[in-house]
PDB file of N, CA and C in Angstrom:
ATOM      1  N   UNK A   1      14.691 -37.603  35.682  1.00  0.00           N
ATOM      2  CA  UNK A   1      14.421 -37.474  34.251  1.00  0.00           C
ATOM      3  C   UNK A   1      14.325 -35.514  34.806  1.00  0.00           C
ATOM      4  N   UNK A   2      14.725 -35.402  33.960  1.00  0.00           N
ATOM      5  CA  UNK A   2      15.154 -33.539  33.669  1.00  0.00           C
ATOM      6  C   UNK A   2      13.976 -32.805  33.384  1.00  0.00           C
ATOM      7  N   UNK A   3      13.043 -32.474  33.731  1.00  0.00           N
ATOM      8  CA  UNK A   3      11.484 -32.124  32.873  1.00  0.00           C
ATOM      9  C   UNK A   3      11.879 -30.805  32.132  1.00  0.00           C
ATOM     10  N   UNK A   4      12.154 -30.150  33.738  1.00  0.00           N
ATOM     11  CA  UNK A   4      12.527 -28.586  32.719  1.00  0.00           C
ATOM     12  C   UNK A   4      13.325 -28.598  31.397  1.00  0.00           C
ATOM     13  N   UNK A   5      14.709 -29.270  31.141  1.00  0.00           N
ATOM     14  CA  UNK A   5      15.533 -29.177  30.186  1.00  0.00           C
ATOM     15  C   UNK A   5      14.895 -29.510  29.257  1.00  0.00           C
ATOM     16  N   UNK A   6      14.091 -30.544  29.025  1.00  0.00           N
ATOM     17  CA  UNK A   6      13.300 -31.470  27.452  1.00  0.00           C
ATOM     18  C   UNK A   6      12.266 -30.324  27.230  1.00  0.00           C
ATOM     19  N   UNK A   7      11.291 -29.558  28.703  1.00  0.00           N
ATOM     20  CA  UNK A   7      10.715 -28.725  28.031  1.00  0.00           C
ATOM     21  C   UNK A   7      11.437 -27.041  27.684  1.00  0.00           C
ATOM     22  N   UNK A   8      13.046 -26.883  27.558  1.00  0.00           N
ATOM     23  CA  UNK A   8      13.482 -26.230  26.962  1.00  0.00           C
ATOM     24  C   UNK A   8      13.930 -26.141  25.622  1.00  0.00           C
ATOM     25  N   UNK A   9      13.961 -27.490  25.421  1.00  0.00           N
ATOM     26  CA  UNK A   9      14.595 -28.483  24.085  1.00  0.00           C
ATOM     27  C   UNK A   9      13.621 -28.127  23.224  1.00  0.00           C
ATOM     28  N   UNK A  10      11.798 -28.476  23.979  1.00  0.00           N
ATOM     29  CA  UNK A  10      11.392 -28.655  22.826  1.00  0.00           C
ATOM     30  C   UNK A  10      11.079 -27.142  22.642  1.00  0.00           C
ATOM     31  N   UNK A  11      10.895 -26.075  23.346  1.00  0.00           N
ATOM     32  CA  UNK A  11      10.748 -25.057  23.225  1.00  0.00           C
ATOM     33  C   UNK A  11      12.119 -23.943  21.778  1.00  0.00           C
ATOM     34  N   UNK A  12      12.894 -24.771  22.486  1.00  0.00           N
ATOM     35  CA  UNK A  12      13.933 -24.405  20.714  1.00  0.00           C
ATOM     36  C   UNK A  12      13.490 -25.096  19.902  1.00  0.00           C
ATOM     37  N   UNK A  13      13.596 -25.917  19.920  1.00  0.00           N
ATOM     38  CA  UNK A  13      13.038 -26.268  18.612  1.00  0.00           C
ATOM     39  C   UNK A  13      12.141 -26.065  18.024  1.00  0.00           C
ATOM     40  N   UNK A  14      10.687 -25.647  18.713  1.00  0.00           N
ATOM     41  CA  UNK A  14       9.935 -24.951  17.959  1.00  0.00           C
ATOM     42  C   UNK A  14      10.056 -23.691  17.439  1.00  0.00           C
ATOM     43  N   UNK A  15      10.895 -22.754  18.216  1.00  0.00           N
ATOM     44  CA  UNK A  15      10.858 -21.916  17.565  1.00  0.00           C
ATOM     45  C   UNK A  15      11.900 -21.578  16.272  1.00  0.00           C
ATOM     46  N   UNK A  16      12.957 -22.603  16.611  1.00  0.00           N
ATOM     47  CA  UNK A  16      13.545 -22.800  14.792  1.00  0.00           C
ATOM     48  C   UNK A  16      12.763 -23.171  14.300  1.00  0.00           C
ATOM     49  N   UNK A  17      11.741 -23.956  14.092  1.00  0.00           N
ATOM     50  CA  UNK A  17      10.769 -24.732  13.291  1.00  0.00           C
ATOM     51  C   UNK A  17      10.137 -23.013  12.680  1.00  0.00           C
ATOM     52  N   UNK A  18       9.558 -22.355  14.135  1.00  0.00           N
ATOM     53  CA  UNK A  18       8.760 -21.283  13.233  1.00  0.00           C
ATOM     54  C   UNK A  18       9.753 -20.721  12.016  1.00  0.00           C
ATOM     55  N   UNK A  19      10.920 -19.920  13.305  1.00  0.00           N
ATOM     56  CA  UNK A  19      11.572 -19.638  11.758  1.00  0.00           C
ATOM     57  C   UNK A  19      12.394 -19.217  10.623  1.00  0.00           C
ATOM     58  N   UNK A  20      11.840 -21.116  10.730  1.00  0.00           N
ATOM     59  CA  UNK A  20      12.856 -22.023   9.113  1.00  0.00           C
ATOM     60  C   UNK A  20      11.301 -21.184   8.672  1.00  0.00           C
ATOM     61  N   UNK A  21       9.521 -21.699   8.708  1.00  0.00           N
ATOM     62  CA  UNK A  21       8.924 -21.404   7.992  1.00  0.00           C
ATOM     63  C   UNK A  21       8.657 -20.623   7.723  1.00  0.00           C
ATOM     64  N   UNK A  22       9.283 -19.210   8.696  1.00  0.00           N
ATOM     65  CA  UNK A  22       8.582 -17.613   7.879  1.00  0.00           C
ATOM     66  C   UNK A  22       9.915 -17.450   7.027  1.00  0.00           C
ATOM     67  N   UNK A  23      11.078 -17.859   7.193  1.00  0.00           N
ATOM     68  CA  UNK A  23      11.536 -17.044   6.171  1.00  0.00           C
ATOM     69  C   UNK A  23      11.790 -17.862   4.922  1.00  0.00           C
ATOM     70  N   UNK A  24      11.356 -19.346   5.150  1.00  0.00           N
ATOM     71  CA  UNK A  24      10.288 -19.647   3.790  1.00  0.00           C
ATOM     72  C   UNK A  24       9.210 -19.115   3.356  1.00  0.00           C
ATOM     73  N   UNK A  25       8.674 -18.573   3.783  1.00  0.00           N
ATOM     74  CA  UNK A  25       7.313 -18.069   3.156  1.00  0.00           C
ATOM     75  C   UNK A  25       7.584 -16.302   2.686  1.00  0.00           C
ATOM     76  N   UNK A  26       8.483 -15.912   3.581  1.00  0.00           N
ATOM     77  CA  UNK A  26       8.750 -14.992   3.120  1.00  0.00           C
ATOM     78  C   UNK A  26       8.320 -13.836   1.810  1.00  0.00           C
ATOM     79  N   UNK A  27       9.487 -15.360   0.651  1.00  0.00           N
ATOM     80  CA  UNK A  27       9.539 -14.384  -0.550  1.00  0.00           C
ATOM     81  C   UNK A  27       8.077 -14.844  -1.433  1.00  0.00           C
ATOM     82  N   UNK A  28       7.524 -15.411  -0.954  1.00  0.00           N
ATOM     83  CA  UNK A  28       5.983 -15.338  -0.732  1.00  0.00           C
ATOM     84  C   UNK A  28       5.432 -14.613  -0.995  1.00  0.00           C
ATOM     85  N   UNK A  29       5.119 -13.608   0.070  1.00  0.00           N
ATOM     86  CA  UNK A  29       4.469 -12.432   0.881  1.00  0.00           C
ATOM     87  C   UNK A  29       5.459 -11.731   0.324  1.00  0.00           C
ATOM     88  N   UNK A  30       6.019 -11.450  -0.294  1.00  0.00           N
ATOM     89  CA  UNK A  30       6.656  -9.840  -1.190  1.00  0.00           C
ATOM     90  C   UNK A  30       6.163 -10.042  -2.533  1.00  0.00           C
ATOM     91  N   UNK A  31       6.226 -10.836  -2.922  1.00  0.00           N
ATOM     92  CA  UNK A  31       6.252 -11.021  -4.594  1.00  0.00           C
ATOM     93  C   UNK A  31       4.718 -11.025  -4.729  1.00  0.00           C
ATOM     94  N   UNK A  32       3.697 -11.202  -3.752  1.00  0.00           N
ATOM     95  CA  UNK A  32       1.956 -11.428  -3.920  1.00  0.00           C
ATOM     96  C   UNK A  32       2.385  -9.194  -4.241  1.00  0.00           C
ATOM     97  N   UNK A  33       2.901  -9.138  -4.277  1.00  0.00           N
ATOM     98  CA  UNK A  33       2.280  -7.784  -3.968  1.00  0.00           C
ATOM     99  C   UNK A  33       3.082  -6.999  -5.702  1.00  0.00           C
ATOM    100  N   UNK A  34       3.483  -7.948  -5.963  1.00  0.00           N
ATOM    101  CA  UNK A  34       3.748  -8.185  -7.640  1.00  0.00           C
ATOM    102  C   UNK A  34       4.946  -6.843  -7.682  1.00  0.00           C
ATOM    103  N   UNK A  35       6.098  -6.391  -7.273  1.00  0.00           N
ATOM    104  CA  UNK A  35       7.082  -5.384  -6.774  1.00  0.00           C
ATOM    105  C   UNK A  35       6.002  -3.995  -6.977  1.00  0.00           C
ATOM    106  N   UNK A  36       5.276  -4.412  -6.617  1.00  0.00           N
ATOM    107  CA  UNK A  36       4.578  -2.903  -6.875  1.00  0.00           C
ATOM    108  C   UNK A  36       4.953  -2.076  -5.408  1.00  0.00           C
ATOM    109  N   UNK A  37       4.772  -0.579  -5.252  1.00  0.00           N
ATOM    110  CA  UNK A  37       5.207   0.763  -4.250  1.00  0.00           C
ATOM    111  C   UNK A  37       3.630   0.582  -3.658  1.00  0.00           C
ATOM    112  N   UNK A  38       3.591   1.228  -2.469  1.00  0.00           N
ATOM    113  CA  UNK A  38       2.229   1.691  -1.785  1.00  0.00           C
ATOM    114  C   UNK A  38       2.435   3.168  -1.414  1.00  0.00           C
ATOM    115  N   UNK A  39       1.985   3.977  -2.193  1.00  0.00           N
ATOM    116  CA  UNK A  39       1.665   5.775  -1.806  1.00  0.00           C
ATOM    117  C   UNK A  39       0.556   5.805  -0.770  1.00  0.00           C
ATOM    118  N   UNK A  40       0.660   6.499   0.538  1.00  0.00           N
ATOM    119  CA  UNK A  40      -0.759   6.728   1.073  1.00  0.00           C
ATOM    120  C   UNK A  40      -0.207   7.927   1.990  1.00  0.00           C
ATOM    121  N   UNK A  41      -1.510   8.365   1.951  1.00  0.00           N
ATOM    122  CA  UNK A  41      -1.370  10.271   1.906  1.00  0.00           C
ATOM    123  C   UNK A  41      -2.554  10.808   1.592  1.00  0.00           C
ATOM    124  N   UNK A  42      -2.082  12.187   1.879  1.00  0.00           N
ATOM    125  CA  UNK A  42      -3.265  13.510   1.180  1.00  0.00           C
ATOM    126  C   UNK A  42      -3.077  13.871   0.325  1.00  0.00           C
ATOM    127  N   UNK A  43      -3.598  14.255  -0.631  1.00  0.00           N
ATOM    128  CA  UNK A  43      -3.150  14.282  -2.019  1.00  0.00           C
ATOM    129  C   UNK A  43      -3.276  16.096  -1.745  1.00  0.00           C
ATOM    130  N   UNK A  44      -2.161  16.299  -2.550  1.00  0.00           N
ATOM    131  CA  UNK A  44      -1.825  18.493  -2.390  1.00  0.00           C
ATOM    132  C   UNK A  44      -1.845  18.732  -3.833  1.00  0.00           C
ATOM    133  N   UNK A  45      -1.852  18.411  -5.152  1.00  0.00           N
ATOM    134  CA  UNK A  45      -1.312  18.603  -5.873  1.00  0.00           C
ATOM    135  C   UNK A  45      -2.155  17.441  -7.209  1.00  0.00           C
ATOM    136  N   UNK A  46      -2.897  17.982  -8.239  1.00  0.00           N
ATOM    137  CA  UNK A  46      -3.991  17.628  -8.893  1.00  0.00           C
ATOM    138  C   UNK A  46      -3.420  17.791 -10.735  1.00  0.00           C
ATOM    139  N   UNK A  47      -2.913  16.829 -11.381  1.00  0.00           N
ATOM    140  CA  UNK A  47      -3.183  17.189 -12.901  1.00  0.00           C
ATOM    141  C   UNK A  47      -3.971  16.218 -13.645  1.00  0.00           C
ATOM    142  N   UNK A  48      -3.800  16.725 -15.231  1.00  0.00           N
ATOM    143  CA  UNK A  48      -4.005  15.666 -16.013  1.00  0.00           C
ATOM    144  C   UNK A  48      -2.927  14.347 -15.712  1.00  0.00           C
ATOM    145  N   UNK A  49      -2.414  14.109 -15.982  1.00  0.00           N
ATOM    146  CA  UNK A  49      -1.358  13.108 -15.842  1.00  0.00           C
ATOM    147  C   UNK A  49      -0.549  12.460 -14.276  1.00  0.00           C
ATOM    148  N   UNK A  50      -0.648  13.530 -13.304  1.00  0.00           N
ATOM    149  CA  UNK A  50      -0.032  13.011 -12.382  1.00  0.00           C
ATOM    150  C   UNK A  50      -1.116  13.047 -11.023  1.00  0.00           C
ATOM    151  N   UNK A  51      -0.358  13.177  -9.595  1.00  0.00           N
ATOM    152  CA  UNK A  51      -1.064  12.914  -8.640  1.00  0.00           C
ATOM    153  C   UNK A  51      -0.088  13.581  -7.725  1.00  0.00           C
ATOM    154  N   UNK A  52       0.022  14.619  -6.958  1.00  0.00           N
ATOM    155  CA  UNK A  52       0.671  14.338  -5.173  1.00  0.00           C
ATOM    156  C   UNK A  52       0.588  13.950  -4.949  1.00  0.00           C
ATOM    157  N   UNK A  53       1.383  13.596  -3.456  1.00  0.00           N
ATOM    158  CA  UNK A  53       0.708  13.009  -2.283  1.00  0.00           C
ATOM    159  C   UNK A  53       1.574  13.080  -1.243  1.00  0.00           C
ATOM    160  N   UNK A  54       1.238  13.705  -0.164  1.00  0.00           N
ATOM    161  CA  UNK A  54       2.093  13.923   1.247  1.00  0.00           C
ATOM    162  C   UNK A  54       1.674  12.918   1.543  1.00  0.00           C
ATOM    163  N   UNK A  55       2.919  12.155   2.051  1.00  0.00           N
ATOM    164  CA  UNK A  55       2.653  10.503   2.723  1.00  0.00           C
ATOM    165  C   UNK A  55       2.436  10.690   3.844  1.00  0.00           C
ATOM    166  N   UNK A  56       2.051   9.457   4.429  1.00  0.00           N
ATOM    167  CA  UNK A  56       1.837  10.238   6.407  1.00  0.00           C
ATOM    168  C   UNK A  56       3.356   9.702   7.199  1.00  0.00           C
ATOM    169  N   UNK A  57       4.099   9.507   6.294  1.00  0.00           N
ATOM    170  CA  UNK A  57       5.310   9.831   6.877  1.00  0.00           C
ATOM    171  C   UNK A  57       5.855  10.924   6.577  1.00  0.00           C
ATOM    172  N   UNK A  58       5.171  12.495   6.075  1.00  0.00           N
ATOM    173  CA  UNK A  58       5.936  13.575   5.871  1.00  0.00           C
ATOM    174  C   UNK A  58       6.117  13.449   4.801  1.00  0.00           C
ATOM    175  N   UNK A  59       6.445  13.225   3.967  1.00  0.00           N
ATOM    176  CA  UNK A  59       7.431  12.682   2.260  1.00  0.00           C
ATOM    177  C   UNK A  59       5.855  12.789   0.968  1.00  0.00           C
ATOM    178  N   UNK A  60       7.031  14.241   0.099  1.00  0.00           N
ATOM    179  CA  UNK A  60       6.124  14.692  -0.908  1.00  0.00           C
ATOM    180  C   UNK A  60       6.570  13.499  -1.800  1.00  0.00           C
ATOM    181  N   UNK A  61       5.335  12.725  -2.912  1.00  0.00           N
ATOM    182  CA  UNK A  61       5.282  11.947  -3.893  1.00  0.00           C
ATOM    183  C   UNK A  61       4.703  11.815  -5.039  1.00  0.00           C
ATOM    184  N   UNK A  62       5.209  12.215  -6.187  1.00  0.00           N
ATOM    185  CA  UNK A  62       3.995  12.574  -7.456  1.00  0.00           C
ATOM    186  C   UNK A  62       4.848  11.112  -7.837  1.00  0.00           C
ATOM    187  N   UNK A  63       3.361  10.588  -8.120  1.00  0.00           N
ATOM    188  CA  UNK A  63       3.003   9.549  -9.252  1.00  0.00           C
ATOM    189  C   UNK A  63       2.158   9.939 -10.248  1.00  0.00           C
ATOM    190  N   UNK A  64       2.456   9.424 -11.677  1.00  0.00           N
ATOM    191  CA  UNK A  64       1.700   9.300 -12.951  1.00  0.00           C
ATOM    192  C   UNK A  64       0.777   8.700 -13.175  1.00  0.00           C
ATOM    193  N   UNK A  65       0.164   8.793 -14.065  1.00  0.00           N
ATOM    194  CA  UNK A  65      -1.279   7.870 -14.699  1.00  0.00           C
ATOM    195  C   UNK A  65      -1.073   6.950 -15.582  1.00  0.00           C
ATOM    196  N   UNK A  66      -1.364   6.515 -15.946  1.00  0.00           N
ATOM    197  CA  UNK A  66      -1.738   6.165 -17.408  1.00  0.00           C
ATOM    198  C   UNK A  66      -2.526   5.116 -17.713  1.00  0.00           C
ATOM    199  N   UNK A  67      -2.776   4.803 -18.995  1.00  0.00           N
ATOM    200  CA  UNK A  67      -4.037   4.325 -19.834  1.00  0.00           C
ATOM    201  C   UNK A  67      -4.620   3.226 -18.759  1.00  0.00           C
ATOM    202  N   UNK A  68      -4.038   2.665 -18.448  1.00  0.00           N
ATOM    203  CA  UNK A  68      -4.133   1.146 -17.591  1.00  0.00           C
ATOM    204  C   UNK A  68      -4.341   1.609 -16.362  1.00  0.00           C
ATOM    205  N   UNK A  69      -4.487   2.990 -15.415  1.00  0.00           N
ATOM    206  CA  UNK A  69      -4.583   3.376 -14.373  1.00  0.00           C
ATOM    207  C   UNK A  69      -6.217   2.870 -13.964  1.00  0.00           C
ATOM    208  N   UNK A  70      -6.861   2.962 -12.675  1.00  0.00           N
ATOM    209  CA  UNK A  70      -7.500   2.145 -12.133  1.00  0.00           C
ATOM    210  C   UNK A  70      -8.353   3.623 -10.802  1.00  0.00           C
ATOM    211  N   UNK A  71      -9.406   3.546 -10.800  1.00  0.00           N
ATOM    212  CA  UNK A  71      -9.797   4.821 -10.125  1.00  0.00           C
ATOM    213  C   UNK A  71     -10.954   4.441  -8.630  1.00  0.00           C
ATOM    214  N   UNK A  72     -10.389   4.536  -8.127  1.00  0.00           N
ATOM    215  CA  UNK A  72     -12.040   4.157  -6.632  1.00  0.00           C
ATOM    216  C   UNK A  72     -12.047   4.720  -5.966  1.00  0.00           C
ATOM    217  N   UNK A  73     -13.097   5.096  -4.950  1.00  0.00           N
ATOM    218  CA  UNK A  73     -13.704   5.839  -3.647  1.00  0.00           C
ATOM    219  C   UNK A  73     -14.680   4.710  -3.305  1.00  0.00           C
ATOM    220  N   UNK A  74     -14.174   4.256  -1.782  1.00  0.00           N
ATOM    221  CA  UNK A  74     -14.946   3.040  -1.287  1.00  0.00           C
ATOM    222  C   UNK A  74     -15.037   2.011  -1.687  1.00  0.00           C
ATOM    223  N   UNK A  75     -14.571   1.573  -2.287  1.00  0.00           N
ATOM    224  CA  UNK A  75     -13.862   0.726  -3.406  1.00  0.00           C
ATOM    225  C   UNK A  75     -15.259   0.150  -5.001  1.00  0.00           C
ATOM    226  N   UNK A  76     -15.442   1.728  -4.974  1.00  0.00           N
ATOM    227  CA  UNK A  76     -16.734   1.802  -6.124  1.00  0.00           C
ATOM    228  C   UNK A  76     -15.754   2.737  -7.253  1.00  0.00           C
ATOM    229  N   UNK A  77     -16.285   2.623  -8.575  1.00  0.00           N
ATOM    230  CA  UNK A  77     -15.149   2.965  -9.106  1.00  0.00           C
ATOM    231  C   UNK A  77     -15.103   4.774  -9.757  1.00  0.00           C
ATOM    232  N   UNK A  78     -14.024   5.280  -9.928  1.00  0.00           N
ATOM    233  CA  UNK A  78     -14.875   6.536 -10.145  1.00  0.00           C
ATOM    234  C   UNK A  78     -13.559   7.274 -11.854  1.00  0.00           C
ATOM    235  N   UNK A  79     -13.779   8.186 -11.984  1.00  0.00           N
ATOM    236  CA  UNK A  79     -13.205   8.712 -12.987  1.00  0.00           C
ATOM    237  C   UNK A  79     -11.365   9.560 -12.184  1.00  0.00           C
ATOM    238  N   UNK A  80     -10.882   9.782 -12.890  1.00  0.00           N
ATOM    239  CA  UNK A  80      -9.706  10.924 -13.177  1.00  0.00           C
ATOM    240  C   UNK A  80      -9.654  11.995 -12.095  1.00  0.00           C
ATOM    241  N   UNK A  81     -10.954  12.548 -12.665  1.00  0.00           N
ATOM    242  CA  UNK A  81     -11.227  13.695 -12.188  1.00  0.00           C
ATOM    243  C   UNK A  81     -12.350  13.999 -10.945  1.00  0.00           C
ATOM    244  N   UNK A  82     -12.356  13.089 -10.441  1.00  0.00           N
ATOM    245  CA  UNK A  82     -12.802  12.800  -9.082  1.00  0.00           C
ATOM    246  C   UNK A  82     -11.395  13.013  -8.018  1.00  0.00           C
ATOM    247  N   UNK A  83     -10.501  12.676  -8.354  1.00  0.00           N
ATOM    248  CA  UNK A  83      -9.550  13.047  -7.485  1.00  0.00           C
ATOM    249  C   UNK A  83      -9.074  14.229  -6.904  1.00  0.00           C
ATOM    250  N   UNK A  84      -9.157  15.369  -6.021  1.00  0.00           N
ATOM    251  CA  UNK A  84      -9.302  16.470  -5.953  1.00  0.00           C
ATOM    252  C   UNK A  84      -8.398  15.753  -4.346  1.00  0.00           C
ATOM    253  N   UNK A  85      -7.630  18.118  -4.557  1.00  0.00           N
ATOM    254  CA  UNK A  85      -6.703  18.195  -3.044  1.00  0.00           C
ATOM    255  C   UNK A  85      -7.600  17.461  -2.252  1.00  0.00           C
ATOM    256  N   UNK A  86      -6.858  16.732  -0.607  1.00  0.00           N
ATOM    257  CA  UNK A  86      -7.052  16.963   0.374  1.00  0.00           C
ATOM    258  C   UNK A  86      -7.818  15.808   0.234  1.00  0.00           C
ATOM    259  N   UNK A  87      -7.806  15.185  -0.513  1.00  0.00           N
ATOM    260  CA  UNK A  87      -9.211  13.420  -0.378  1.00  0.00           C
ATOM    261  C   UNK A  87      -7.704  12.623  -0.006  1.00  0.00           C
ATOM    262  N   UNK A  88      -7.892  11.101   1.099  1.00  0.00           N
ATOM    263  CA  UNK A  88      -7.221  10.386   1.534  1.00  0.00           C
ATOM    264  C   UNK A  88      -6.917   9.375   0.907  1.00  0.00           C
ATOM    265  N   UNK A  89      -5.686   8.794   0.181  1.00  0.00           N
ATOM    266  CA  UNK A  89      -5.220   7.889  -1.058  1.00  0.00           C
ATOM    267  C   UNK A  89      -4.905   6.844  -0.572  1.00  0.00           C
ATOM    268  N   UNK A  90      -4.589   6.144  -1.955  1.00  0.00           N
ATOM    269  CA  UNK A  90      -3.931   4.781  -1.073  1.00  0.00           C
ATOM    270  C   UNK A  90      -3.386   4.581  -2.591  1.00  0.00           C
ATOM    271  N   UNK A  91      -2.092   4.802  -2.697  1.00  0.00           N
ATOM    272  CA  UNK A  91      -2.168   4.406  -4.822  1.00  0.00           C
ATOM    273  C   UNK A  91      -0.860   3.210  -4.791  1.00  0.00           C
ATOM    274  N   UNK A  92      -1.293   1.980  -5.286  1.00  0.00           N
ATOM    275  CA  UNK A  92      -0.112   1.250  -6.128  1.00  0.00           C
ATOM    276  C   UNK A  92       0.520   1.638  -6.940  1.00  0.00           C
ATOM    277  N   UNK A  93       1.838   1.990  -6.943  1.00  0.00           N
ATOM    278  CA  UNK A  93       2.097   1.964  -9.062  1.00  0.00           C
ATOM    279  C   UNK A  93       3.872   0.696  -8.268  1.00  0.00           C
ATOM    280  N   UNK A  94       3.960   1.448  -9.704  1.00  0.00           N
ATOM    281  CA  UNK A  94       5.625   0.538 -10.359  1.00  0.00           C
ATOM    282  C   UNK A  94       6.468   1.805 -10.233  1.00  0.00           C
ATOM    283  N   UNK A  95       7.153   1.576 -10.708  1.00  0.00           N
ATOM    284  CA  UNK A  95       8.137   2.567 -11.276  1.00  0.00           C
ATOM    285  C   UNK A  95       8.709   2.001 -12.551  1.00  0.00           C
ATOM    286  N   UNK A  96       8.815   2.874 -13.228  1.00  0.00           N
ATOM    287  CA  UNK A  96       8.818   2.830 -14.856  1.00  0.00           C
ATOM    288  C   UNK A  96       9.273   4.489 -15.208  1.00  0.00           C
ATOM    289  N   UNK A  97      11.281   3.640 -15.817  1.00  0.00           N
ATOM    290  CA  UNK A  97      11.554   4.762 -15.710  1.00  0.00           C
ATOM    291  C   UNK A  97      12.424   5.668 -15.097  1.00  0.00           C
ATOM    292  N   UNK A  98      12.508   5.258 -13.226  1.00  0.00           N
ATOM    293  CA  UNK A  98      12.505   6.343 -12.623  1.00  0.00           C
ATOM    294  C   UNK A  98      11.513   7.226 -12.551  1.00  0.00           C
ATOM    295  N   UNK A  99      10.121   6.696 -12.593  1.00  0.00           N
ATOM    296  CA  UNK A  99       8.755   6.997 -12.116  1.00  0.00           C
ATOM    297  C   UNK A  99       7.915   7.081 -11.737  1.00  0.00           C
ATOM    298  N   UNK A 100       6.937   7.082 -11.010  1.00  0.00           N
ATOM    299  CA  UNK A 100       6.110   6.198 -10.264  1.00  0.00           C
ATOM    300  C   UNK A 100       4.573   6.471 -11.243  1.00  0.00           C
ATOM    301  N   UNK A 101       4.195   4.974 -11.301  1.00  0.00           N
ATOM    302  CA  UNK A 101       2.940   5.027 -12.794  1.00  0.00           C
ATOM    303  C   UNK A 101       1.809   4.520 -11.671  1.00  0.00           C
ATOM    304  N   UNK A 102       1.240   4.742 -11.038  1.00  0.00           N
ATOM    305  CA  UNK A 102      -0.052   4.716 -10.544  1.00  0.00           C
ATOM    306  C   UNK A 102      -0.520   3.362 -11.425  1.00  0.00           C
ATOM    307  N   UNK A 103      -0.968   1.805 -10.786  1.00  0.00           N
ATOM    308  CA  UNK A 103      -1.832   0.975 -11.361  1.00  0.00           C
ATOM    309  C   UNK A 103      -3.036   1.375 -11.115  1.00  0.00           C
ATOM    310  N   UNK A 104      -3.898   1.658  -9.435  1.00  0.00           N
ATOM    311  CA  UNK A 104      -4.553   1.742  -9.020  1.00  0.00           C
ATOM    312  C   UNK A 104      -4.107   2.803  -8.251  1.00  0.00           C
ATOM    313  N   UNK A 105      -5.608   3.283  -8.218  1.00  0.00           N
ATOM    314  CA  UNK A 105      -5.729   4.987  -7.085  1.00  0.00           C
ATOM    315  C   UNK A 105      -7.018   4.771  -6.332  1.00  0.00           C
ATOM    316  N   UNK A 106      -7.093   4.500  -4.844  1.00  0.00           N
ATOM    317  CA  UNK A 106      -7.552   4.380  -4.013  1.00  0.00           C
ATOM    318  C   UNK A 106      -7.959   5.253  -3.183  1.00  0.00           C
ATOM    319  N   UNK A 107      -9.528   5.730  -3.327  1.00  0.00           N
ATOM    320  CA  UNK A 107      -9.868   7.136  -2.393  1.00  0.00           C
ATOM    321  C   UNK A 107     -11.174   7.239  -1.289  1.00  0.00           C
ATOM    322  N   UNK A 108     -10.398   7.187  -0.280  1.00  0.00           N
ATOM    323  CA  UNK A 108     -11.495   7.070   1.822  1.00  0.00           C
ATOM    324  C   UNK A 108     -12.547   7.283   0.819  1.00  0.00           C
ATOM    325  N   UNK A 109     -13.544   6.488   1.481  1.00  0.00           N
ATOM    326  CA  UNK A 109     -14.934   7.425   1.399  1.00  0.00           C
ATOM    327  C   UNK A 109     -15.013   8.847   1.616  1.00  0.00           C
ATOM    328  N   UNK A 110     -16.190   9.377   1.117  1.00  0.00           N
ATOM    329  CA  UNK A 110     -16.193  10.880   1.310  1.00  0.00           C
ATOM    330  C   UNK A 110     -16.865  11.265   3.042  1.00  0.00           C
ATOM    331  N   UNK A 111     -15.879  12.487   3.545  1.00  0.00           N
ATOM    332  CA  UNK A 111     -16.537  11.926   4.993  1.00  0.00           C
ATOM    333  C   UNK A 111     -18.333  13.460   4.616  1.00  0.00           C
ATOM    334  N   UNK A 112     -18.624  12.913   5.864  1.00  0.00           N
ATOM    335  CA  UNK A 112     -20.464  13.909   6.549  1.00  0.00           C
ATOM    336  C   UNK A 112     -20.026  15.030   5.874  1.00  0.00           C
ATOM    337  N   UNK A 113     -18.991  15.822   6.264  1.00  0.00           N
ATOM    338  CA  UNK A 113     -18.520  17.180   6.556  1.00  0.00           C
ATOM    339  C   UNK A 113     -18.632  17.582   5.072  1.00  0.00           C
ATOM    340  N   UNK A 114     -17.982  16.541   4.096  1.00  0.00           N
ATOM    341  CA  UNK A 114     -17.694  16.780   2.246  1.00  0.00           C
ATOM    342  C   UNK A 114     -19.262  16.553   1.451  1.00  0.00           C
ATOM    343  N   UNK A 115     -20.153  15.716   2.094  1.00  0.00           N
ATOM    344  CA  UNK A 115     -21.123  15.413   1.444  1.00  0.00           C
ATOM    345  C   UNK A 115     -21.978  16.384   1.388  1.00  0.00           C
ATOM    346  N   UNK A 116     -22.118  16.504   2.826  1.00  0.00           N
ATOM    347  CA  UNK A 116     -23.205  18.560   3.361  1.00  0.00           C
ATOM    348  C   UNK A 116     -23.123  19.740   2.184  1.00  0.00           C
ATOM    349  N   UNK A 117     -21.722  19.828   1.679  1.00  0.00           N
ATOM    350  CA  UNK A 117     -22.084  21.059   0.880  1.00  0.00           C
ATOM    351  C   UNK A 117     -22.097  21.508   0.128  1.00  0.00           C
TER     352      UNK A 117
END
């Protein structure tokens, strides 16, 4: 009996089964985000209708607001007016007419330095 050969065959079968499982689950994982795009970075400009973000990759992205956009800081609801230049931000947005529109705007918790000012 050739034990190393059986072990190698079992390992190959396990890897193949894991690959099939991963490919089967991939569409479920991707659709869990509902087609939303994520914009992560620092706020560089804010207006009544949009926010401009310098992403973690250095790209500048403008994301619009609409009546359904929700805002939060450290998971607590805030107002659109609370979004300020310099805030760290995560936006979940959808593309509408070739423009990104924010579904949710999440700001990081305020730092100790900014609380004391």
